PDB file of N, CA and C in Angstrom:
ATOM      1  N   MET A   1      -8.258  27.670  82.660  1.00  0.00           N
ATOM      2  CA  MET A   1      -7.583  27.137  81.746  1.00  0.00           C
ATOM      3  C   MET A   1      -7.270  26.110  81.098  1.00  0.00           C
ATOM      4  N   ASP A   2      -7.255  26.578  79.487  1.00  0.00           N
ATOM      5  CA  ASP A   2      -6.554  25.927  79.000  1.00  0.00           C
ATOM      6  C   ASP A   2      -5.712  25.339  78.645  1.00  0.00           C
ATOM      7  N   THR A   3      -4.317  23.945  78.925  1.00  0.00           N
ATOM      8  CA  THR A   3      -3.133  23.657  78.040  1.00  0.00           C
ATOM      9  C   THR A   3      -3.171  23.332  77.391  1.00  0.00           C
ATOM     10  N   ALA A   4      -4.346  22.932  76.732  1.00  0.00           N
ATOM     11  CA  ALA A   4      -4.043  21.691  75.332  1.00  0.00           C
ATOM     12  C   ALA A   4      -2.578  22.122  74.232  1.00  0.00           C
ATOM     13  N   PRO A   5      -2.455  21.057  73.992  1.00  0.00           N
ATOM     14  CA  PRO A   5      -1.012  22.054  72.951  1.00  0.00           C
ATOM     15  C   PRO A   5      -2.777  22.590  71.017  1.00  0.00           C
ATOM     16  N   GLN A   6      -1.834  23.951  71.068  1.00  0.00           N
ATOM     17  CA  GLN A   6      -2.090  24.272  69.599  1.00  0.00           C
ATOM     18  C   GLN A   6      -1.986  23.599  68.543  1.00  0.00           C
ATOM     19  N   SER A   7      -2.988  23.891  68.016  1.00  0.00           N
ATOM     20  CA  SER A   7      -2.315  23.088  66.341  1.00  0.00           C
ATOM     21  C   SER A   7      -2.366  24.405  65.645  1.00  0.00           C
ATOM     22  N   HIS A   8      -1.082  24.754  65.047  1.00  0.00           N
ATOM     23  CA  HIS A   8      -0.649  25.575  63.831  1.00  0.00           C
ATOM     24  C   HIS A   8      -0.616  24.892  62.885  1.00  0.00           C
ATOM     25  N   SER A   9      -1.895  25.895  61.618  1.00  0.00           N
ATOM     26  CA  SER A   9      -1.776  25.148  60.325  1.00  0.00           C
ATOM     27  C   SER A   9      -0.994  25.809  59.648  1.00  0.00           C
ATOM     28  N   THR A  10      -0.016  25.040  58.389  1.00  0.00           N
ATOM     29  CA  THR A  10       0.411  26.401  57.296  1.00  0.00           C
ATOM     30  C   THR A  10       0.276  25.683  56.176  1.00  0.00           C
ATOM     31  N   THR A  11      -1.346  25.033  56.191  1.00  0.00           N
ATOM     32  CA  THR A  11      -2.500  24.391  54.885  1.00  0.00           C
ATOM     33  C   THR A  11      -1.896  26.135  54.281  1.00  0.00           C
ATOM     34  N   GLY A  12      -2.643  26.995  55.443  1.00  0.00           N
ATOM     35  CA  GLY A  12      -3.624  28.139  54.723  1.00  0.00           C
ATOM     36  C   GLY A  12      -1.654  29.258  53.846  1.00  0.00           C
ATOM     37  N   ASN A  13      -1.091  29.455  54.392  1.00  0.00           N
ATOM     38  CA  ASN A  13       0.264  30.597  54.010  1.00  0.00           C
ATOM     39  C   ASN A  13       1.201  28.645  52.890  1.00  0.00           C
ATOM     40  N   ASN A  14       0.980  28.533  53.011  1.00  0.00           N
ATOM     41  CA  ASN A  14       1.100  27.309  51.744  1.00  0.00           C
ATOM     42  C   ASN A  14       0.162  27.446  50.228  1.00  0.00           C
ATOM     43  N   ALA A  15      -1.540  27.417  50.782  1.00  0.00           N
ATOM     44  CA  ALA A  15      -2.473  27.478  50.010  1.00  0.00           C
ATOM     45  C   ALA A  15      -1.980  28.365  49.864  1.00  0.00           C
ATOM     46  N   ALA A  16      -2.004  29.547  50.289  1.00  0.00           N
ATOM     47  CA  ALA A  16      -1.669  31.235  49.749  1.00  0.00           C
ATOM     48  C   ALA A  16      -0.380  30.823  48.733  1.00  0.00           C
ATOM     49  N   TYR A  17       0.421  30.946  49.043  1.00  0.00           N
ATOM     50  CA  TYR A  17       1.770  30.557  48.692  1.00  0.00           C
ATOM     51  C   TYR A  17       1.386  30.151  47.091  1.00  0.00           C
ATOM     52  N   GLY A  18       0.363  29.437  46.547  1.00  0.00           N
ATOM     53  CA  GLY A  18       0.589  28.379  45.692  1.00  0.00           C
ATOM     54  C   GLY A  18       0.503  29.372  44.419  1.00  0.00           C
ATOM     55  N   GLN A  19      -1.564  29.335  44.891  1.00  0.00           N
ATOM     56  CA  GLN A  19      -1.872  29.722  44.834  1.00  0.00           C
ATOM     57  C   GLN A  19      -1.001  31.888  44.019  1.00  0.00           C
ATOM     58  N   GLU A  20      -0.137  32.233  44.948  1.00  0.00           N
ATOM     59  CA  GLU A  20       0.274  33.475  44.406  1.00  0.00           C
ATOM     60  C   GLU A  20       1.471  32.872  43.208  1.00  0.00           C
ATOM     61  N   GLY A  21       2.071  31.701  43.912  1.00  0.00           N
ATOM     62  CA  GLY A  21       3.088  31.212  42.808  1.00  0.00           C
ATOM     63  C   GLY A  21       1.846  30.141  41.024  1.00  0.00           C
ATOM     64  N   GLY A  22       1.177  29.851  41.764  1.00  0.00           N
ATOM     65  CA  GLY A  22       0.468  30.121  40.056  1.00  0.00           C
ATOM     66  C   GLY A  22      -0.625  31.009  38.798  1.00  0.00           C
ATOM     67  N   ARG A  23      -0.486  32.086  39.897  1.00  0.00           N
ATOM     68  CA  ARG A  23      -1.614  33.157  39.110  1.00  0.00           C
ATOM     69  C   ARG A  23       0.318  33.365  38.627  1.00  0.00           C
ATOM     70  N   THR A  24       1.557  34.031  39.044  1.00  0.00           N
ATOM     71  CA  THR A  24       2.993  33.708  38.020  1.00  0.00           C
ATOM     72  C   THR A  24       3.135  33.620  37.468  1.00  0.00           C
ATOM     73  N   ILE A  25       3.183  31.616  37.458  1.00  0.00           N
ATOM     74  CA  ILE A  25       2.822  30.885  35.710  1.00  0.00           C
ATOM     75  C   ILE A  25       2.092  31.065  35.197  1.00  0.00           C
ATOM     76  N   LYS A  26       0.783  31.645  35.282  1.00  0.00           N
ATOM     77  CA  LYS A  26      -0.018  31.971  34.261  1.00  0.00           C
ATOM     78  C   LYS A  26       0.169  33.322  33.384  1.00  0.00           C
ATOM     79  N   LYS A  27       0.301  34.869  34.459  1.00  0.00           N
ATOM     80  CA  LYS A  27       0.846  35.830  33.852  1.00  0.00           C
ATOM     81  C   LYS A  27       1.733  34.806  32.359  1.00  0.00           C
ATOM     82  N   LYS A  28       3.611  34.491  33.167  1.00  0.00           N
ATOM     83  CA  LYS A  28       4.197  33.685  32.260  1.00  0.00           C
ATOM     84  C   LYS A  28       4.162  33.734  31.408  1.00  0.00           C
ATOM     85  N   LYS A  29       3.465  32.833  31.483  1.00  0.00           N
ATOM     86  CA  LYS A  29       2.574  31.722  30.022  1.00  0.00           C
ATOM     87  C   LYS A  29       1.627  32.570  28.945  1.00  0.00           C
ATOM     88  N   THR A  30       0.400  33.242  29.700  1.00  0.00           N
ATOM     89  CA  THR A  30      -0.145  34.238  29.315  1.00  0.00           C
ATOM     90  C   THR A  30       0.648  34.841  28.187  1.00  0.00           C
ATOM     91  N   ARG A  31       2.054  35.476  29.024  1.00  0.00           N
ATOM     92  CA  ARG A  31       2.466  36.661  28.665  1.00  0.00           C
ATOM     93  C   ARG A  31       3.795  35.373  27.164  1.00  0.00           C
ATOM     94  N   ARG A  32       3.800  35.014  27.098  1.00  0.00           N
ATOM     95  CA  ARG A  32       4.438  34.131  26.818  1.00  0.00           C
ATOM     96  C   ARG A  32       3.826  33.587  24.831  1.00  0.00           C
ATOM     97  N   GLU A  33       2.692  33.413  25.330  1.00  0.00           N
ATOM     98  CA  GLU A  33       1.482  33.263  24.020  1.00  0.00           C
ATOM     99  C   GLU A  33       1.010  33.898  23.356  1.00  0.00           C
ATOM    100  N   ASN A  34       1.554  35.474  24.241  1.00  0.00           N
ATOM    101  CA  ASN A  34       0.930  36.297  23.262  1.00  0.00           C
ATOM    102  C   ASN A  34       2.262  36.959  22.192  1.00  0.00           C
ATOM    103  N   LEU A  35       3.481  37.355  23.225  1.00  0.00           N
ATOM    104  CA  LEU A  35       4.602  37.538  22.452  1.00  0.00           C
ATOM    105  C   LEU A  35       4.561  35.998  21.117  1.00  0.00           C
ATOM    106  N   TYR A  36       4.595  35.139  21.479  1.00  0.00           N
ATOM    107  CA  TYR A  36       4.611  34.133  20.680  1.00  0.00           C
ATOM    108  C   TYR A  36       3.386  34.858  19.412  1.00  0.00           C
ATOM    109  N   ARG A  37       2.401  34.908  19.406  1.00  0.00           N
ATOM    110  CA  ARG A  37       0.929  35.494  18.686  1.00  0.00           C
ATOM    111  C   ARG A  37       1.723  36.748  18.069  1.00  0.00           C
ATOM    112  N   GLU A  38       2.712  37.669  18.453  1.00  0.00           N
ATOM    113  CA  GLU A  38       2.681  38.439  17.608  1.00  0.00           C
ATOM    114  C   GLU A  38       4.047  38.256  16.854  1.00  0.00           C
ATOM    115  N   LEU A  39       4.871  37.037  17.178  1.00  0.00           N
ATOM    116  CA  LEU A  39       5.877  36.981  16.824  1.00  0.00           C
ATOM    117  C   LEU A  39       5.776  35.961  15.367  1.00  0.00           C
ATOM    118  N   GLN A  40       4.999  35.448  15.203  1.00  0.00           N
ATOM    119  CA  GLN A  40       3.780  34.349  14.362  1.00  0.00           C
ATOM    120  C   GLN A  40       3.624  36.103  12.973  1.00  0.00           C
ATOM    121  N   GLU A  41       3.755  36.701  13.855  1.00  0.00           N
ATOM    122  CA  GLU A  41       2.117  37.641  12.150  1.00  0.00           C
ATOM    123  C   GLU A  41       3.684  38.635  12.184  1.00  0.00           C
ATOM    124  N   TYR A  42       4.273  39.209  12.134  1.00  0.00           N
ATOM    125  CA  TYR A  42       5.455  39.375  12.393  1.00  0.00           C
ATOM    126  C   TYR A  42       6.031  38.200  11.219  1.00  0.00           C
ATOM    127  N   GLU A  43       6.490  37.159  11.254  1.00  0.00           N
ATOM    128  CA  GLU A  43       6.841  35.930  10.384  1.00  0.00           C
ATOM    129  C   GLU A  43       6.312  36.563   9.668  1.00  0.00           C
ATOM    130  N   LYS A  44       5.380  35.587   9.036  1.00  0.00           N
ATOM    131  CA  LYS A  44       3.742  36.057   7.986  1.00  0.00           C
ATOM    132  C   LYS A  44       4.151  37.018   7.298  1.00  0.00           C
ATOM    133  N   ALA A  45       4.035  38.182   7.587  1.00  0.00           N
ATOM    134  CA  ALA A  45       4.193  39.618   7.357  1.00  0.00           C
ATOM    135  C   ALA A  45       6.147  39.741   6.800  1.00  0.00           C
ATOM    136  N   GLY A  46       6.370  39.233   6.418  1.00  0.00           N
ATOM    137  CA  GLY A  46       7.748  38.741   5.665  1.00  0.00           C
ATOM    138  C   GLY A  46       9.108  39.423   6.650  1.00  0.00           C
ATOM    139  N   ILE A  47       8.914  39.786   7.704  1.00  0.00           N
ATOM    140  CA  ILE A  47       9.542  39.803   8.877  1.00  0.00           C
ATOM    141  C   ILE A  47      10.084  39.402   9.380  1.00  0.00           C
ATOM    142  N   ALA A  48      12.197  39.809   9.329  1.00  0.00           N
ATOM    143  CA  ALA A  48      13.069  38.422  10.048  1.00  0.00           C
ATOM    144  C   ALA A  48      13.016  38.889  10.937  1.00  0.00           C
ATOM    145  N   LEU A  49      13.244  37.869  12.285  1.00  0.00           N
ATOM    146  CA  LEU A  49      13.146  37.433  13.653  1.00  0.00           C
ATOM    147  C   LEU A  49      14.363  36.636  14.157  1.00  0.00           C
ATOM    148  N   TRP A  50      15.508  38.090  15.751  1.00  0.00           N
ATOM    149  CA  TRP A  50      16.916  37.663  15.538  1.00  0.00           C
ATOM    150  C   TRP A  50      16.163  36.673  17.257  1.00  0.00           C
ATOM    151  N   LEU A  51      17.233  36.305  17.552  1.00  0.00           N
ATOM    152  CA  LEU A  51      18.235  36.181  18.400  1.00  0.00           C
ATOM    153  C   LEU A  51      19.590  35.717  18.833  1.00  0.00           C
ATOM    154  N   ASN A  52      19.895  36.878  19.795  1.00  0.00           N
ATOM    155  CA  ASN A  52      21.087  37.330  20.304  1.00  0.00           C
ATOM    156  C   ASN A  52      21.403  37.195  18.890  1.00  0.00           C
ATOM    157  N   GLY A  53      21.580  37.944  18.061  1.00  0.00           N
ATOM    158  CA  GLY A  53      22.302  38.036  17.201  1.00  0.00           C
ATOM    159  C   GLY A  53      22.553  36.209  16.257  1.00  0.00           C
ATOM    160  N   MET A  54      21.439  35.724  15.716  1.00  0.00           N
ATOM    161  CA  MET A  54      21.051  35.030  15.042  1.00  0.00           C
ATOM    162  C   MET A  54      19.077  34.454  14.925  1.00  0.00           C
ATOM    163  N   PRO A  55      19.147  34.491  13.501  1.00  0.00           N
ATOM    164  CA  PRO A  55      18.682  34.070  13.461  1.00  0.00           C
ATOM    165  C   PRO A  55      17.230  33.180  13.805  1.00  0.00           C
ATOM    166  N   SER A  56      16.049  33.753  13.850  1.00  0.00           N
ATOM    167  CA  SER A  56      15.174  32.952  15.417  1.00  0.00           C
ATOM    168  C   SER A  56      13.685  32.304  14.858  1.00  0.00           C
ATOM    169  N   THR A  57      12.920  31.560  15.456  1.00  0.00           N
ATOM    170  CA  THR A  57      11.391  31.375  15.347  1.00  0.00           C
ATOM    171  C   THR A  57      11.000  32.236  16.703  1.00  0.00           C
ATOM    172  N   PRO A  58       9.712  32.294  16.911  1.00  0.00           N
ATOM    173  CA  PRO A  58       8.688  33.107  16.951  1.00  0.00           C
ATOM    174  C   PRO A  58       8.677  32.251  17.927  1.00  0.00           C
ATOM    175  N   ARG A  59       8.631  31.232  18.698  1.00  0.00           N
ATOM    176  CA  ARG A  59       8.444  29.825  19.796  1.00  0.00           C
ATOM    177  C   ARG A  59       9.752  29.972  20.663  1.00  0.00           C
ATOM    178  N   GLU A  60      11.024  30.248  20.179  1.00  0.00           N
ATOM    179  CA  GLU A  60      12.087  30.261  20.532  1.00  0.00           C
ATOM    180  C   GLU A  60      12.771  31.663  21.462  1.00  0.00           C
ATOM    181  N   ILE A  61      11.761  32.703  20.331  1.00  0.00           N
ATOM    182  CA  ILE A  61      12.278  33.854  20.816  1.00  0.00           C
ATOM    183  C   ILE A  61      11.764  34.207  22.865  1.00  0.00           C
ATOM    184  N   ALA A  62       9.752  33.458  22.179  1.00  0.00           N
ATOM    185  CA  ALA A  62       9.305  34.182  23.375  1.00  0.00           C
ATOM    186  C   ALA A  62       9.572  33.502  24.764  1.00  0.00           C
ATOM    187  N   LYS A  63       9.705  31.514  24.729  1.00  0.00           N
ATOM    188  CA  LYS A  63      10.325  31.351  25.182  1.00  0.00           C
ATOM    189  C   LYS A  63      11.952  31.559  26.152  1.00  0.00           C
ATOM    190  N   ALA A  64      12.856  32.204  25.988  1.00  0.00           N
ATOM    191  CA  ALA A  64      13.671  33.366  26.211  1.00  0.00           C
ATOM    192  C   ALA A  64      13.725  33.934  26.793  1.00  0.00           C
ATOM    193  N   CYS A  65      12.451  34.993  26.401  1.00  0.00           N
ATOM    194  CA  CYS A  65      12.273  36.081  26.899  1.00  0.00           C
ATOM    195  C   CYS A  65      11.278  36.226  28.324  1.00  0.00           C
ATOM    196  N   THR A  66      10.438  34.976  28.300  1.00  0.00           N
ATOM    197  CA  THR A  66       9.404  34.372  29.651  1.00  0.00           C
ATOM    198  C   THR A  66      10.333  33.627  30.293  1.00  0.00           C
ATOM    199  N   ILE A  67      11.048  33.080  30.283  1.00  0.00           N
ATOM    200  CA  ILE A  67      11.865  31.985  30.608  1.00  0.00           C
ATOM    201  C   ILE A  67      12.874  32.450  32.346  1.00  0.00           C
ATOM    202  N   GLY A  68      13.635  33.018  32.459  1.00  0.00           N
ATOM    203  CA  GLY A  68      14.304  33.498  33.234  1.00  0.00           C
ATOM    204  C   GLY A  68      13.518  34.998  34.319  1.00  0.00           C
ATOM    205  N   GLU A  69      13.150  35.075  35.740  1.00  0.00           N
ATOM    206  CA  GLU A  69      13.287  36.135  35.671  1.00  0.00           C
ATOM    207  C   GLU A  69      14.925  37.314  35.695  1.00  0.00           C
ATOM    208  N   GLU A  70      15.647  37.179  35.737  1.00  0.00           N
ATOM    209  CA  GLU A  70      16.575  37.727  36.097  1.00  0.00           C
ATOM    210  C   GLU A  70      16.924  37.732  34.017  1.00  0.00           C
ATOM    211  N   ASP A  71      16.583  36.899  33.192  1.00  0.00           N
ATOM    212  CA  ASP A  71      17.295  37.613  32.002  1.00  0.00           C
ATOM    213  C   ASP A  71      15.957  39.071  31.233  1.00  0.00           C
ATOM    214  N   ARG A  72      17.045  39.462  30.917  1.00  0.00           N
ATOM    215  CA  ARG A  72      16.334  40.781  29.918  1.00  0.00           C
ATOM    216  C   ARG A  72      17.065  40.631  28.728  1.00  0.00           C
ATOM    217  N   TYR A  73      15.253  41.262  27.424  1.00  0.00           N
ATOM    218  CA  TYR A  73      15.632  41.559  26.185  1.00  0.00           C
ATOM    219  C   TYR A  73      15.294  42.701  25.667  1.00  0.00           C
ATOM    220  N   MET A  74      16.315  43.079  24.994  1.00  0.00           N
ATOM    221  CA  MET A  74      15.524  44.217  23.961  1.00  0.00           C
ATOM    222  C   MET A  74      15.674  44.161  22.903  1.00  0.00           C
ATOM    223  N   ARG A  75      13.927  45.016  22.509  1.00  0.00           N
ATOM    224  CA  ARG A  75      13.928  44.881  21.025  1.00  0.00           C
ATOM    225  C   ARG A  75      15.165  45.949  20.010  1.00  0.00           C
ATOM    226  N   ASP A  76      15.357  45.766  18.701  1.00  0.00           N
ATOM    227  CA  ASP A  76      15.686  46.304  18.196  1.00  0.00           C
ATOM    228  C   ASP A  76      14.604  46.115  17.081  1.00  0.00           C
ATOM    229  N   TYR A  77      14.769  47.471  16.716  1.00  0.00           N
ATOM    230  CA  TYR A  77      13.831  46.897  15.266  1.00  0.00           C
ATOM    231  C   TYR A  77      15.078  47.494  14.011  1.00  0.00           C
ATOM    232  N   ILE A  78      14.590  46.922  12.831  1.00  0.00           N
ATOM    233  CA  ILE A  78      15.831  47.084  11.518  1.00  0.00           C
ATOM    234  C   ILE A  78      15.427  47.333  10.602  1.00  0.00           C
ATOM    235  N   ARG A  79      15.067  48.666   9.454  1.00  0.00           N
ATOM    236  CA  ARG A  79      14.036  49.052   8.942  1.00  0.00           C
ATOM    237  C   ARG A  79      15.209  49.180   7.764  1.00  0.00           C
ATOM    238  N   ASP A  80      14.082  49.091   6.837  1.00  0.00           N
ATOM    239  CA  ASP A  80      14.383  49.277   5.199  1.00  0.00           C
ATOM    240  C   ASP A  80      14.331  50.619   5.214  1.00  0.00           C
ATOM    241  N   GLU A  81      15.004  50.836   3.454  1.00  0.00           N
ATOM    242  CA  GLU A  81      15.119  51.789   2.297  1.00  0.00           C
ATOM    243  C   GLU A  81      13.938  53.283   3.337  1.00  0.00           C
ATOM    244  N   GLU A  82      12.752  52.392   3.046  1.00  0.00           N
ATOM    245  CA  GLU A  82      11.747  53.387   3.244  1.00  0.00           C
ATOM    246  C   GLU A  82      11.893  53.123   4.698  1.00  0.00           C
ATOM    247  N   ASP A  83      12.566  53.036   4.590  1.00  0.00           N
ATOM    248  CA  ASP A  83      11.681  53.101   7.167  1.00  0.00           C
ATOM    249  C   ASP A  83      10.705  52.320   6.850  1.00  0.00           C
ATOM    250  N   GLY A  84      10.448  51.115   6.742  1.00  0.00           N
ATOM    251  CA  GLY A  84       9.959  49.667   6.894  1.00  0.00           C
ATOM    252  C   GLY A  84      10.410  49.089   7.896  1.00  0.00           C
ATOM    253  N   ILE A  85      10.189  48.092   8.513  1.00  0.00           N
ATOM    254  CA  ILE A  85      10.412  47.176   9.166  1.00  0.00           C
ATOM    255  C   ILE A  85      11.080  46.502   8.776  1.00  0.00           C
ATOM    256  N   LYS A  86      12.210  44.902   8.622  1.00  0.00           N
ATOM    257  CA  LYS A  86      12.509  44.723   7.289  1.00  0.00           C
ATOM    258  C   LYS A  86      12.667  43.215   8.921  1.00  0.00           C
ATOM    259  N   GLY A  87      13.469  43.932  10.475  1.00  0.00           N
ATOM    260  CA  GLY A  87      13.530  42.274  10.786  1.00  0.00           C
ATOM    261  C   GLY A  87      13.534  42.886  12.498  1.00  0.00           C
ATOM    262  N   ILE A  88      13.072  42.101  13.871  1.00  0.00           N
ATOM    263  CA  ILE A  88      12.972  42.518  14.944  1.00  0.00           C
ATOM    264  C   ILE A  88      14.034  41.639  15.603  1.00  0.00           C
ATOM    265  N   GLY A  89      15.584  42.051  16.153  1.00  0.00           N
ATOM    266  CA  GLY A  89      16.515  41.764  16.549  1.00  0.00           C
ATOM    267  C   GLY A  89      15.878  41.596  18.609  1.00  0.00           C
ATOM    268  N   PHE A  90      16.464  40.546  18.539  1.00  0.00           N
ATOM    269  CA  PHE A  90      15.622  40.858  20.365  1.00  0.00           C
ATOM    270  C   PHE A  90      17.664  39.957  21.057  1.00  0.00           C
ATOM    271  N   ASP A  91      17.734  41.243  21.875  1.00  0.00           N
ATOM    272  CA  ASP A  91      19.058  41.127  22.114  1.00  0.00           C
ATOM    273  C   ASP A  91      18.923  40.787  23.965  1.00  0.00           C
ATOM    274  N   MET A  92      19.716  39.997  24.390  1.00  0.00           N
ATOM    275  CA  MET A  92      19.714  39.566  25.562  1.00  0.00           C
ATOM    276  C   MET A  92      20.157  41.033  26.692  1.00  0.00           C
ATOM    277  N   ILE A  93      19.812  41.778  27.536  1.00  0.00           N
ATOM    278  CA  ILE A  93      20.495  42.767  28.750  1.00  0.00           C
ATOM    279  C   ILE A  93      22.141  42.297  29.283  1.00  0.00           C
ATOM    280  N   LYS A  94      22.772  42.617  29.666  1.00  0.00           N
ATOM    281  CA  LYS A  94      23.406  41.770  30.129  1.00  0.00           C
ATOM    282  C   LYS A  94      23.577  42.937  31.927  1.00  0.00           C
ATOM    283  N   ASN A  95      23.515  42.606  33.340  1.00  0.00           N
ATOM    284  CA  ASN A  95      23.373  43.601  34.182  1.00  0.00           C
ATOM    285  C   ASN A  95      24.671  43.214  34.071  1.00  0.00           C
ATOM    286  N   VAL A  96      24.892  44.508  34.179  1.00  0.00           N
ATOM    287  CA  VAL A  96      26.937  44.817  34.818  1.00  0.00           C
ATOM    288  C   VAL A  96      26.762  45.135  36.413  1.00  0.00           C
TER     289      VAL A  96
END
């Protein structure tokens, strides 16, 4: 009977956690980049962008919308008289 101490490596678990965390970070970065590009197009089209009631930029909005897991933002499309979009607001939703 072998009574030698068993070596328990946690490298496999840590590697899996690191890979999973890396995928999450990559997903978040991709979401941020996609939102940034979308908002740039709106900005080029002359559509005003707002973050929590203040004029903002595609970069600021994309960062705010993807930086934290607990912060959630709702889009509010601001219409003109012809029912076109003249602005997009991003407002933080607080959990109650």
